Protein backbone atom coordinates (compact mmCIF):
# COMPACT_ATOMS: atom_id res chain seq x y z
CA MET A 1 -10.72 20.82 10.81
CA ASP A 2 -11.98 23.05 8.00
CA PRO A 3 -14.30 20.83 5.90
CA HIS A 4 -13.81 23.11 2.86
CA PRO A 5 -10.02 23.39 2.57
CA ARG A 6 -10.00 24.10 -1.17
CA THR A 7 -12.22 25.20 -4.00
CA VAL A 8 -12.47 22.88 -6.99
CA VAL A 9 -11.94 25.06 -10.04
CA VAL A 10 -13.94 22.89 -12.44
CA SER A 11 -16.95 22.02 -10.27
CA GLY A 12 -19.17 24.91 -11.36
CA ARG A 13 -19.43 26.43 -14.82
CA ASP A 14 -17.29 23.70 -16.43
CA MET A 15 -19.56 20.86 -15.28
CA PRO A 16 -20.67 18.98 -18.42
CA ARG A 17 -24.27 19.56 -19.44
CA GLY A 18 -26.57 16.65 -18.75
CA GLY A 19 -24.46 15.26 -15.92
CA GLY A 20 -25.93 17.37 -13.18
CA HIS A 21 -24.02 18.62 -10.19
CA ALA A 22 -22.55 16.41 -7.53
CA SER A 23 -23.73 16.72 -3.95
CA HIS A 24 -21.05 16.86 -1.29
CA ARG A 25 -20.70 15.74 2.29
CA TRP A 26 -18.04 14.93 4.85
CA LEU A 27 -18.06 11.92 7.17
CA ASP A 28 -15.83 11.14 10.12
CA VAL A 29 -14.25 7.77 9.34
CA ARG A 30 -11.38 5.98 11.10
CA GLY A 31 -9.74 9.03 12.58
CA THR A 32 -10.15 11.39 9.64
CA ARG A 33 -12.84 13.26 7.73
CA LEU A 34 -13.53 11.87 4.26
CA HIS A 35 -15.15 13.95 1.56
CA VAL A 36 -17.70 12.23 -0.68
CA ALA A 37 -19.22 13.54 -3.91
CA GLU A 38 -22.38 11.78 -5.05
CA TYR A 39 -24.19 11.73 -8.37
CA GLY A 40 -27.70 10.37 -8.73
CA THR A 41 -30.36 9.67 -6.14
CA GLY A 42 -30.11 7.97 -2.79
CA THR A 43 -32.41 5.21 -4.02
CA GLY A 44 -30.23 4.34 -7.03
CA VAL A 45 -27.97 1.31 -7.40
CA PRO A 46 -24.88 2.28 -5.38
CA LEU A 47 -21.50 2.23 -7.11
CA LEU A 48 -18.34 3.01 -5.15
CA MET A 49 -16.03 4.93 -7.52
CA LEU A 50 -12.32 5.06 -6.54
CA HIS A 51 -10.10 7.68 -8.16
CA SER A 52 -6.41 7.62 -8.97
CA PHE A 53 -3.35 9.86 -8.72
CA PRO A 54 -3.10 12.72 -9.59
CA GLN A 55 -6.87 13.21 -9.35
CA HIS A 56 -9.80 13.19 -6.93
CA TRP A 57 -13.60 12.79 -7.04
CA TYR A 58 -13.96 14.96 -10.14
CA ALA A 59 -12.21 12.28 -12.21
CA TRP A 60 -15.65 10.67 -12.66
CA HIS A 61 -17.59 13.69 -13.94
CA LYS A 62 -17.56 12.67 -17.61
CA VAL A 63 -18.73 9.15 -16.82
CA ALA A 64 -21.44 10.48 -14.50
CA ALA A 65 -22.78 12.64 -17.30
CA LEU A 66 -23.31 9.59 -19.52
CA LEU A 67 -24.89 7.11 -17.13
CA PRO A 68 -28.67 6.67 -17.17
CA GLU A 69 -30.84 7.33 -14.15
CA GLY A 70 -30.93 4.60 -11.58
CA TYR A 71 -27.37 4.74 -10.29
CA ARG A 72 -26.00 6.37 -7.17
CA LEU A 73 -22.32 7.15 -7.72
CA VAL A 74 -20.38 7.41 -4.46
CA CYS A 75 -17.10 9.16 -5.32
CA PRO A 76 -14.91 9.66 -2.24
CA ASP A 77 -11.62 11.45 -2.02
CA LEU A 78 -9.14 8.96 -0.61
CA ARG A 79 -7.60 9.81 2.75
CA GLY A 80 -5.47 12.93 2.35
CA PHE A 81 -6.58 13.59 -1.25
CA GLY A 82 -8.87 16.31 -2.58
CA TRP A 83 -11.07 17.59 0.21
CA SER A 84 -10.49 14.66 2.60
CA GLY A 85 -8.50 15.14 5.77
CA PHE A 86 -4.80 14.35 5.98
CA THR A 87 -3.38 12.02 8.63
CA ARG A 88 0.19 10.94 9.22
CA ARG A 89 -0.63 7.24 8.72
CA GLY A 90 -3.16 5.04 6.97
CA TYR A 91 -2.03 5.08 3.32
CA ASP A 92 -1.27 1.39 2.87
CA MET A 93 -3.77 -0.57 0.76
CA ASP A 94 -5.24 -2.45 3.71
CA GLY A 95 -5.78 0.81 5.58
CA LEU A 96 -7.43 2.45 2.57
CA ALA A 97 -9.58 -0.65 2.09
CA ASP A 98 -10.73 -0.34 5.71
CA ASP A 99 -11.50 3.35 5.01
CA ALA A 100 -13.70 2.35 2.08
CA LEU A 101 -15.65 -0.23 4.08
CA ALA A 102 -16.11 2.15 6.99
CA LEU A 103 -17.29 4.86 4.60
CA LEU A 104 -19.92 2.58 3.10
CA GLU A 105 -21.17 1.76 6.59
CA ALA A 106 -21.26 5.45 7.51
CA LEU A 107 -23.40 6.06 4.42
CA GLY A 108 -25.79 3.31 5.48
CA LEU A 109 -24.68 1.06 2.62
CA ASP A 110 -24.29 -2.13 4.61
CA GLY A 111 -25.37 -4.43 1.77
CA GLN A 112 -23.67 -5.22 -1.51
CA VAL A 113 -22.55 -2.41 -3.82
CA GLY A 114 -20.89 -2.18 -7.20
CA LEU A 115 -17.23 -1.21 -7.41
CA VAL A 116 -15.35 0.84 -10.02
CA GLY A 117 -11.69 1.88 -9.77
CA HIS A 118 -9.11 3.60 -11.93
CA ASP A 119 -5.32 3.04 -11.64
CA TRP A 120 -4.51 3.43 -7.91
CA GLY A 121 -8.23 3.23 -7.24
CA ALA A 122 -8.34 0.00 -9.26
CA HIS A 123 -5.40 -1.41 -7.29
CA LEU A 124 -7.35 -0.63 -4.13
CA GLY A 125 -10.43 -2.18 -5.75
CA PHE A 126 -8.68 -5.50 -6.24
CA ARG A 127 -7.65 -5.46 -2.58
CA LEU A 128 -11.25 -4.82 -1.55
CA CYS A 129 -12.56 -7.66 -3.71
CA LEU A 130 -9.99 -10.10 -2.34
CA ARG A 131 -10.56 -9.13 1.30
CA TYR A 132 -14.30 -8.45 1.28
CA PRO A 133 -15.83 -10.27 -1.72
CA GLU A 134 -19.20 -10.53 -0.01
CA ARG A 135 -19.59 -6.73 -0.19
CA PHE A 136 -19.48 -6.32 -3.97
CA THR A 137 -21.84 -7.34 -6.77
CA GLY A 138 -19.22 -6.77 -9.45
CA TYR A 139 -16.02 -4.91 -10.20
CA LEU A 140 -14.97 -2.69 -13.11
CA ALA A 141 -11.19 -2.09 -13.03
CA LEU A 142 -9.63 0.53 -15.32
CA ASN A 143 -5.99 0.93 -16.38
CA MET A 144 -4.44 -1.30 -13.73
CA SER A 145 -2.74 -4.66 -13.72
CA HIS A 146 -4.24 -7.40 -11.58
CA PRO A 147 -2.54 -8.78 -8.42
CA TRP A 148 -1.01 -11.75 -10.30
CA PRO A 149 1.19 -10.15 -12.99
CA ARG A 150 3.64 -12.39 -14.82
CA HIS A 151 7.22 -11.44 -13.96
CA ARG A 152 8.30 -11.84 -17.58
CA ALA A 153 5.83 -9.12 -18.48
CA VAL A 154 6.62 -6.85 -15.54
CA VAL A 155 10.43 -6.69 -15.74
CA PRO A 156 10.73 -5.30 -19.31
CA ASN A 157 8.21 -2.58 -18.47
CA LEU A 158 9.58 -1.34 -15.14
CA TRP A 159 11.17 1.65 -16.89
CA ARG A 160 7.69 2.97 -17.60
CA LEU A 161 7.34 3.77 -13.89
CA TRP A 162 10.30 6.17 -13.95
CA PHE A 163 8.14 8.98 -12.58
CA THR A 164 7.58 7.15 -9.29
CA ALA A 165 11.20 7.86 -8.34
CA PHE A 166 10.20 11.55 -8.08
CA VAL A 167 7.21 10.77 -5.88
CA GLU A 168 7.84 7.92 -3.47
CA TYR A 169 10.76 9.19 -1.36
CA PRO A 170 9.67 11.20 1.68
CA VAL A 171 11.64 14.43 1.23
CA LEU A 172 12.03 14.53 -2.56
CA GLY A 173 8.50 13.34 -3.29
CA ARG A 174 6.76 15.91 -1.16
CA ALA A 175 8.93 18.72 -2.51
CA VAL A 176 8.31 17.78 -6.15
CA LEU A 177 4.58 17.36 -5.71
CA ARG A 178 4.14 20.50 -3.66
CA HIS A 179 6.37 22.93 -5.56
CA TRP A 180 6.53 21.63 -9.13
CA PRO A 181 2.98 21.72 -10.57
CA GLY A 182 4.44 21.27 -14.04
CA PHE A 183 5.34 17.70 -13.08
CA THR A 184 1.70 16.82 -12.44
CA ARG A 185 0.60 18.55 -15.62
CA PHE A 186 3.25 16.65 -17.60
CA LEU A 187 2.12 13.30 -16.21
CA LEU A 188 -1.50 13.97 -17.12
CA ARG A 189 -0.59 15.02 -20.65
CA HIS A 190 1.98 12.27 -21.18
CA GLN A 191 -0.22 9.42 -19.99
CA VAL A 192 -3.08 9.95 -22.44
CA ALA A 193 -3.17 9.23 -26.16
CA ASP A 194 -4.29 12.79 -26.97
CA PRO A 195 -3.41 15.57 -24.49
CA ALA A 196 -6.30 17.66 -25.83
CA VAL A 197 -8.71 15.57 -23.72
CA TRP A 198 -7.73 17.76 -20.76
CA THR A 199 -9.09 21.27 -20.40
CA GLU A 200 -6.83 23.93 -18.98
CA ALA A 201 -9.16 24.18 -15.98
CA GLU A 202 -8.78 20.46 -15.29
CA LEU A 203 -4.98 20.56 -15.53
CA THR A 204 -4.88 23.57 -13.21
CA GLU A 205 -7.20 21.92 -10.70
CA TYR A 206 -5.39 18.59 -10.56
CA ALA A 207 -1.99 20.27 -10.29
CA ALA A 208 -3.26 22.42 -7.41
CA ALA A 209 -4.93 19.43 -5.75
CA THR A 210 -1.76 17.35 -5.99
CA SER A 211 0.28 20.16 -4.47
CA ALA A 212 -2.14 20.38 -1.54
CA SER A 213 -2.19 16.58 -1.15
CA ALA A 214 1.57 16.07 -1.52
CA PRO A 215 2.14 14.31 1.85
CA ALA A 216 -0.70 11.85 1.21
CA VAL A 217 0.42 11.13 -2.36
CA GLN A 218 4.01 10.50 -1.30
CA SER A 219 2.87 8.30 1.59
CA LEU A 220 0.68 6.25 -0.73
CA PHE A 221 3.57 5.56 -3.10
CA TRP A 222 5.98 4.82 -0.25
CA GLN A 223 3.62 2.32 1.36
CA TYR A 224 3.39 0.56 -2.00
CA VAL A 225 7.19 0.27 -2.04
CA LEU A 226 7.30 -1.06 1.51
CA HIS A 227 4.41 -3.52 1.34
CA ASP A 228 2.94 -4.17 -2.10
CA ILE A 229 6.10 -4.68 -4.15
CA PRO A 230 7.50 -7.31 -1.71
CA ALA A 231 4.10 -9.04 -1.71
CA LEU A 232 4.10 -9.18 -5.51
CA VAL A 233 7.64 -10.54 -5.59
CA ARG A 234 6.75 -13.22 -3.04
CA GLY A 235 3.56 -14.07 -4.89
CA THR A 236 1.50 -13.45 -1.76
CA TRP A 237 -1.73 -12.92 -3.67
CA ARG A 238 -1.39 -16.20 -5.53
CA ARG A 239 -2.89 -17.78 -2.43
CA HIS A 240 -6.05 -15.73 -2.92
CA ARG A 241 -8.81 -16.10 -5.48
CA LEU A 242 -10.93 -13.38 -7.08
CA THR A 243 -14.56 -14.42 -6.79
CA VAL A 244 -16.22 -11.08 -7.60
CA PRO A 245 -17.26 -10.91 -11.30
CA THR A 246 -14.75 -8.51 -12.83
CA LEU A 247 -14.26 -6.62 -16.09
CA LEU A 248 -10.75 -5.21 -16.55
CA LEU A 249 -10.48 -2.47 -19.19
CA GLY A 250 -7.12 -1.29 -20.46
CA GLY A 251 -6.01 1.26 -23.00
CA GLU A 252 -4.45 -0.05 -26.18
CA ARG A 253 -1.97 2.86 -26.04
CA ASP A 254 -1.51 2.94 -22.26
CA ARG A 255 2.12 3.91 -21.61
CA VAL A 256 1.98 3.05 -17.90
CA VAL A 257 0.06 -0.23 -17.68
CA VAL A 258 0.71 -1.77 -21.09
CA PRO A 259 -1.63 -4.48 -22.44
CA SER A 260 0.84 -7.30 -21.73
CA LEU A 261 0.47 -6.62 -17.99
CA LEU A 262 -3.23 -7.44 -18.09
CA ALA A 263 -2.83 -11.10 -19.04
CA GLY A 264 -2.32 -14.12 -16.81
CA ALA A 265 -5.00 -13.75 -14.13
CA GLU A 266 -7.28 -16.51 -15.37
CA PRO A 267 -6.02 -19.21 -12.93
CA TYR A 268 -6.79 -16.92 -9.99
CA ALA A 269 -10.26 -15.66 -10.89
CA ASP A 270 -13.70 -17.22 -11.19
CA GLU A 271 -15.06 -14.67 -13.67
CA LEU A 272 -12.62 -12.16 -15.14
CA THR A 273 -12.84 -10.55 -18.58
CA VAL A 274 -9.99 -8.43 -19.97
CA ARG A 275 -10.67 -5.97 -22.78
CA LEU A 276 -8.65 -3.26 -24.53
CA VAL A 277 -10.07 0.08 -25.70
CA PRO A 278 -8.53 0.85 -29.12
CA GLY A 279 -6.49 4.04 -29.32
CA ALA A 280 -6.91 4.90 -25.64
CA GLY A 281 -4.24 5.70 -23.07
CA HIS A 282 -4.04 5.54 -19.29
CA HIS A 283 -7.02 7.72 -18.30
CA LEU A 284 -10.08 5.95 -19.66
CA PRO A 285 -12.62 7.95 -17.58
CA GLN A 286 -11.26 11.11 -19.23
CA GLU A 287 -10.38 9.80 -22.68
CA ARG A 288 -13.21 7.34 -23.31
CA PRO A 289 -16.01 8.00 -20.84
CA GLN A 290 -18.49 6.45 -23.29
CA GLU A 291 -16.62 3.14 -23.11
CA VAL A 292 -16.53 3.30 -19.32
CA ALA A 293 -20.24 4.09 -19.15
CA ARG A 294 -20.99 1.13 -21.43
CA ALA A 295 -18.84 -1.09 -19.24
CA VAL A 296 -20.72 0.09 -16.14
CA ALA A 297 -23.98 -0.88 -17.85
CA GLU A 298 -22.52 -4.26 -18.80
CA VAL A 299 -21.32 -5.11 -15.31
CA PHE A 300 -24.09 -3.59 -13.20
CA ALA A 301 -27.22 -3.27 -15.37
CA ARG A 302 -28.79 -6.37 -13.83
CA GLN A 303 -28.93 -4.50 -10.52
CA LEU A 304 -31.15 -1.72 -11.97
């Protein structure tokens, strides 16, 4: 397997000043090779940073540039995304959660770590906290509803997920993602409050990355349809309690995960705070990296 299948357009001259460059490595984990970008030093407080669709490790570069010294940001590409290897299976949330735990062990991080996730990465983060609470000191979730959404809030907002119909089906989804880069660019522009937050280099990179990762992206969405939606309808996760201290940040102008979807988790969590970022959309790490950096400090500063 070629460990350098693609070149990230924005990883060199467009790296923000002050943030430093990420270091990169590949680790063999659960039958595939996962790429990991790391910011900070190996002795810093480890934070596992989980990206969303249609992005990869570089989604965290603005936040990395704003965090003080003392953190070690571990930013993997999920299985099949970015520079990580593609496999035919393994894209359900439990499988991706097992990937994350195995990756931490491969990195020698067998103690507790902090956890940060955005959108799909935040959905995966909730699964990790519910299955392996002993592994995490705290959790910062961005732009994602919790596992106990109220049906009366979900049903009126299902139309907002119209774009998933172009992604989740095996033949159509892979064709759209692979051959229609304008679709990815549209989603990125449409889901933020101000499209100017994206540079042309970033839009080009994420569109190219999504095209290359089309089978993994489609498989991720399809596994959600097969497993996660039925579990939400049945209320499966209502039998589980969130014990990891959690801060859930949403965008006031998020068109995908609207503020009403963030309420209602209090009966299922020991320590959960929900907060909205005024004027922000669905990509807080890109739109409001300062707010995300402040939230990181709030949740994890006591570990420094």
